[in-house]
């Protein structure tokens, strides 16, 4: 994978970033980033876009991400701030 090649070249770790929100008129913008180690867990292998996951899948993956992520962060930006 591209991620593996970056690690081999000494350019890791790699952060995965995803957002949700449809612009200021539809509500807030939420952006999340997560850094996993080079040895991905099998249980997280299918995680590439949160929009593809249903609520049950997100709930199942959440504790795995919190436990095994090297780092993660979520930012909530209210629509009034997006409008500025």
N, C-alpha and C. Protein backbone atom coordinates (compact mmCIF):
# COMPACT_ATOMS: atom_id res chain seq x y z
N UNK A 1 0.84 -1.19 0.00
CA UNK A 1 0.00 0.00 0.00
C UNK A 1 0.88 1.25 0.00
N UNK A 2 0.28 2.36 -0.32
CA UNK A 2 1.00 3.63 -0.28
C UNK A 2 1.49 3.91 1.13
N UNK A 3 0.67 3.62 2.11
CA UNK A 3 1.07 3.82 3.51
C UNK A 3 2.30 3.00 3.86
N UNK A 4 2.35 1.75 3.45
CA UNK A 4 3.51 0.89 3.72
C UNK A 4 4.76 1.44 3.05
N UNK A 5 4.61 1.91 1.82
CA UNK A 5 5.76 2.48 1.10
C UNK A 5 6.28 3.72 1.81
N UNK A 6 5.40 4.55 2.32
CA UNK A 6 5.83 5.74 3.05
C UNK A 6 6.58 5.36 4.32
N UNK A 7 6.09 4.36 5.04
CA UNK A 7 6.79 3.90 6.25
C UNK A 7 8.18 3.38 5.90
N UNK A 8 8.27 2.57 4.84
CA UNK A 8 9.58 2.02 4.44
C UNK A 8 10.56 3.13 4.06
N UNK A 9 10.04 4.22 3.53
CA UNK A 9 10.89 5.35 3.14
C UNK A 9 11.17 6.28 4.32
N UNK A 10 10.70 5.92 5.50
CA UNK A 10 10.92 6.75 6.68
C UNK A 10 10.02 7.97 6.75
N UNK A 11 8.91 7.94 6.04
CA UNK A 11 8.01 9.09 5.99
C UNK A 11 6.74 8.90 6.81
N UNK A 12 6.71 7.90 7.68
CA UNK A 12 5.54 7.68 8.53
C UNK A 12 5.68 8.45 9.81
N UNK A 13 4.71 8.48 10.65
CA UNK A 13 3.41 7.85 10.48
C UNK A 13 2.50 8.65 9.54
N UNK A 14 1.45 7.99 9.11
CA UNK A 14 0.49 8.57 8.19
C UNK A 14 -0.82 8.80 8.95
N UNK A 15 -1.40 9.97 8.81
CA UNK A 15 -2.68 10.28 9.45
C UNK A 15 -3.80 10.12 8.43
N UNK A 16 -4.85 9.46 8.85
CA UNK A 16 -6.07 9.40 8.05
C UNK A 16 -6.99 10.53 8.51
N UNK A 17 -7.56 11.26 7.58
CA UNK A 17 -8.41 12.41 7.91
C UNK A 17 -9.75 12.25 7.19
N UNK A 18 -10.83 12.58 7.89
CA UNK A 18 -12.16 12.50 7.30
C UNK A 18 -12.99 13.65 7.85
N UNK A 19 -13.97 14.08 7.09
CA UNK A 19 -14.84 15.16 7.54
C UNK A 19 -16.29 14.78 7.28
N UNK A 20 -17.15 15.46 8.00
CA UNK A 20 -18.58 15.33 7.77
C UNK A 20 -19.19 16.71 7.93
N UNK A 21 -20.11 17.02 7.08
CA UNK A 21 -20.77 18.32 7.11
C UNK A 21 -21.02 18.76 5.68
N UNK A 22 -22.11 19.47 5.50
CA UNK A 22 -22.48 19.87 4.14
C UNK A 22 -22.45 21.37 3.97
N UNK A 23 -21.69 22.05 4.76
CA UNK A 23 -21.64 23.50 4.63
C UNK A 23 -22.42 24.18 5.73
N UNK A 24 -22.26 25.46 5.81
CA UNK A 24 -22.80 26.22 6.92
C UNK A 24 -24.31 26.16 7.01
N UNK A 25 -25.03 26.12 5.88
CA UNK A 25 -26.49 26.12 6.00
C UNK A 25 -27.04 24.80 6.50
N UNK A 26 -26.29 23.76 6.40
CA UNK A 26 -26.77 22.45 6.84
C UNK A 26 -26.26 22.08 8.22
N UNK A 27 -25.47 22.91 8.84
CA UNK A 27 -24.99 22.59 10.18
C UNK A 27 -23.50 22.69 10.30
N UNK A 28 -22.97 22.12 11.36
CA UNK A 28 -21.54 22.25 11.66
C UNK A 28 -20.68 21.37 10.76
N UNK A 29 -19.40 21.60 10.87
CA UNK A 29 -18.39 20.78 10.18
C UNK A 29 -17.61 20.04 11.26
N UNK A 30 -17.45 18.75 11.10
CA UNK A 30 -16.68 17.94 12.04
C UNK A 30 -15.56 17.27 11.27
N UNK A 31 -14.33 17.43 11.75
CA UNK A 31 -13.16 16.86 11.09
C UNK A 31 -12.42 16.00 12.10
N UNK A 32 -12.02 14.80 11.69
CA UNK A 32 -11.29 13.90 12.57
C UNK A 32 -10.04 13.40 11.87
N UNK A 33 -9.00 13.18 12.66
CA UNK A 33 -7.75 12.60 12.14
C UNK A 33 -7.32 11.49 13.08
N UNK A 34 -6.71 10.46 12.52
CA UNK A 34 -6.29 9.31 13.31
C UNK A 34 -4.97 8.78 12.74
N UNK A 35 -4.05 8.45 13.63
CA UNK A 35 -2.77 7.87 13.23
C UNK A 35 -2.70 6.47 13.81
N UNK A 36 -2.58 5.48 12.95
CA UNK A 36 -2.39 4.09 13.36
C UNK A 36 -0.95 3.70 13.07
N UNK A 37 -0.46 2.73 13.79
CA UNK A 37 0.89 2.26 13.56
C UNK A 37 1.00 1.52 12.24
N UNK A 38 2.22 1.16 11.85
CA UNK A 38 2.42 0.49 10.56
C UNK A 38 1.80 -0.90 10.50
N UNK A 39 1.61 -1.54 11.63
CA UNK A 39 0.99 -2.87 11.66
C UNK A 39 -0.49 -2.71 11.96
N UNK A 40 -1.27 -2.54 10.92
CA UNK A 40 -2.71 -2.30 11.09
C UNK A 40 -3.38 -3.53 11.67
N UNK A 41 -4.37 -3.27 12.49
CA UNK A 41 -5.18 -4.35 13.04
C UNK A 41 -6.14 -4.86 11.98
N UNK A 42 -6.33 -6.15 11.95
CA UNK A 42 -7.26 -6.74 10.98
C UNK A 42 -8.66 -6.14 11.13
N UNK A 43 -9.07 -5.87 12.37
CA UNK A 43 -10.40 -5.33 12.62
C UNK A 43 -10.60 -3.92 12.08
N UNK A 44 -9.51 -3.22 11.77
CA UNK A 44 -9.61 -1.86 11.23
C UNK A 44 -9.28 -1.80 9.74
N UNK A 45 -9.04 -2.94 9.12
CA UNK A 45 -8.58 -2.96 7.73
C UNK A 45 -9.58 -2.32 6.77
N UNK A 46 -10.87 -2.45 7.03
CA UNK A 46 -11.88 -1.92 6.11
C UNK A 46 -12.19 -0.45 6.36
N UNK A 47 -11.58 0.13 7.35
CA UNK A 47 -11.89 1.52 7.71
C UNK A 47 -11.14 2.47 6.78
N UNK A 48 -11.85 3.04 5.81
CA UNK A 48 -11.23 4.02 4.92
C UNK A 48 -12.10 5.25 4.71
N UNK A 49 -13.38 5.17 5.05
CA UNK A 49 -14.27 6.32 4.90
C UNK A 49 -15.45 6.13 5.85
N UNK A 50 -15.56 7.01 6.83
CA UNK A 50 -16.62 6.86 7.83
C UNK A 50 -18.01 6.91 7.22
N UNK A 51 -18.16 7.56 6.09
CA UNK A 51 -19.48 7.66 5.46
C UNK A 51 -19.96 6.31 4.92
N UNK A 52 -19.05 5.37 4.74
CA UNK A 52 -19.42 4.04 4.27
C UNK A 52 -19.89 3.14 5.41
N UNK A 53 -19.72 3.60 6.65
CA UNK A 53 -20.05 2.78 7.82
C UNK A 53 -21.44 3.10 8.34
N UNK A 54 -22.16 2.06 8.76
CA UNK A 54 -23.43 2.32 9.42
C UNK A 54 -23.16 2.57 10.91
N UNK A 55 -24.19 2.94 11.64
CA UNK A 55 -24.00 3.29 13.05
C UNK A 55 -23.42 2.14 13.87
N UNK A 56 -23.89 0.92 13.64
CA UNK A 56 -23.36 -0.24 14.37
C UNK A 56 -21.87 -0.46 14.10
N UNK A 57 -21.46 -0.29 12.85
CA UNK A 57 -20.04 -0.46 12.51
C UNK A 57 -19.19 0.62 13.18
N UNK A 58 -19.69 1.86 13.18
CA UNK A 58 -18.95 2.94 13.85
C UNK A 58 -18.81 2.65 15.35
N UNK A 59 -19.88 2.20 15.97
CA UNK A 59 -19.84 1.89 17.40
C UNK A 59 -18.88 0.74 17.69
N UNK A 60 -18.80 -0.24 16.80
CA UNK A 60 -17.90 -1.38 16.99
C UNK A 60 -16.44 -0.96 16.85
N UNK A 61 -16.17 -0.06 15.90
CA UNK A 61 -14.79 0.36 15.63
C UNK A 61 -14.27 1.38 16.63
N UNK A 62 -15.14 2.17 17.22
CA UNK A 62 -14.72 3.26 18.10
C UNK A 62 -13.77 2.81 19.22
N UNK A 63 -14.10 1.77 20.00
CA UNK A 63 -13.16 1.36 21.06
C UNK A 63 -11.84 0.83 20.51
N UNK A 64 -11.85 0.20 19.35
CA UNK A 64 -10.60 -0.28 18.75
C UNK A 64 -9.71 0.89 18.35
N UNK A 65 -10.31 1.91 17.77
CA UNK A 65 -9.54 3.09 17.37
C UNK A 65 -8.96 3.76 18.61
N UNK A 66 -9.78 3.95 19.63
CA UNK A 66 -9.29 4.61 20.86
C UNK A 66 -8.17 3.80 21.50
N UNK A 67 -8.27 2.49 21.44
CA UNK A 67 -7.26 1.64 22.09
C UNK A 67 -5.95 1.59 21.32
N UNK A 68 -6.03 1.49 20.00
CA UNK A 68 -4.84 1.20 19.21
C UNK A 68 -4.27 2.39 18.43
N UNK A 69 -4.96 3.50 18.39
CA UNK A 69 -4.44 4.66 17.66
C UNK A 69 -3.23 5.23 18.38
N UNK A 70 -2.23 5.61 17.61
CA UNK A 70 -1.08 6.31 18.18
C UNK A 70 -1.52 7.71 18.60
N UNK A 71 -2.45 8.28 17.84
CA UNK A 71 -3.01 9.60 18.16
C UNK A 71 -4.31 9.76 17.38
N UNK A 72 -5.23 10.55 17.92
CA UNK A 72 -6.44 10.92 17.19
C UNK A 72 -6.95 12.24 17.75
N UNK A 73 -7.71 12.96 16.93
CA UNK A 73 -8.28 14.22 17.38
C UNK A 73 -9.51 14.53 16.54
N UNK A 74 -10.52 15.11 17.17
CA UNK A 74 -11.75 15.50 16.50
C UNK A 74 -11.96 16.99 16.72
N UNK A 75 -12.31 17.71 15.66
CA UNK A 75 -12.57 19.15 15.74
C UNK A 75 -14.00 19.40 15.29
N UNK A 76 -14.73 20.15 16.09
CA UNK A 76 -16.11 20.54 15.79
C UNK A 76 -16.10 22.03 15.49
N UNK A 77 -16.58 22.41 14.30
CA UNK A 77 -16.61 23.81 13.90
C UNK A 77 -18.07 24.21 13.66
N UNK A 78 -18.62 25.07 14.52
CA UNK A 78 -20.02 25.48 14.35
C UNK A 78 -20.24 26.24 13.04
N UNK A 79 -21.47 26.19 12.54
CA UNK A 79 -21.77 26.82 11.24
C UNK A 79 -21.48 28.32 11.24
N UNK A 80 -21.69 29.01 12.36
CA UNK A 80 -21.40 30.46 12.38
C UNK A 80 -19.92 30.73 12.16
N UNK A 81 -19.07 29.83 12.65
CA UNK A 81 -17.63 30.01 12.43
C UNK A 81 -17.25 29.70 10.99
N UNK A 82 -17.90 28.69 10.41
CA UNK A 82 -17.64 28.36 9.00
C UNK A 82 -18.04 29.54 8.12
N UNK A 83 -19.11 30.25 8.50
CA UNK A 83 -19.60 31.39 7.71
C UNK A 83 -18.65 32.58 7.71
N UNK A 84 -17.77 32.67 8.70
CA UNK A 84 -16.88 33.85 8.78
C UNK A 84 -15.87 33.89 7.67
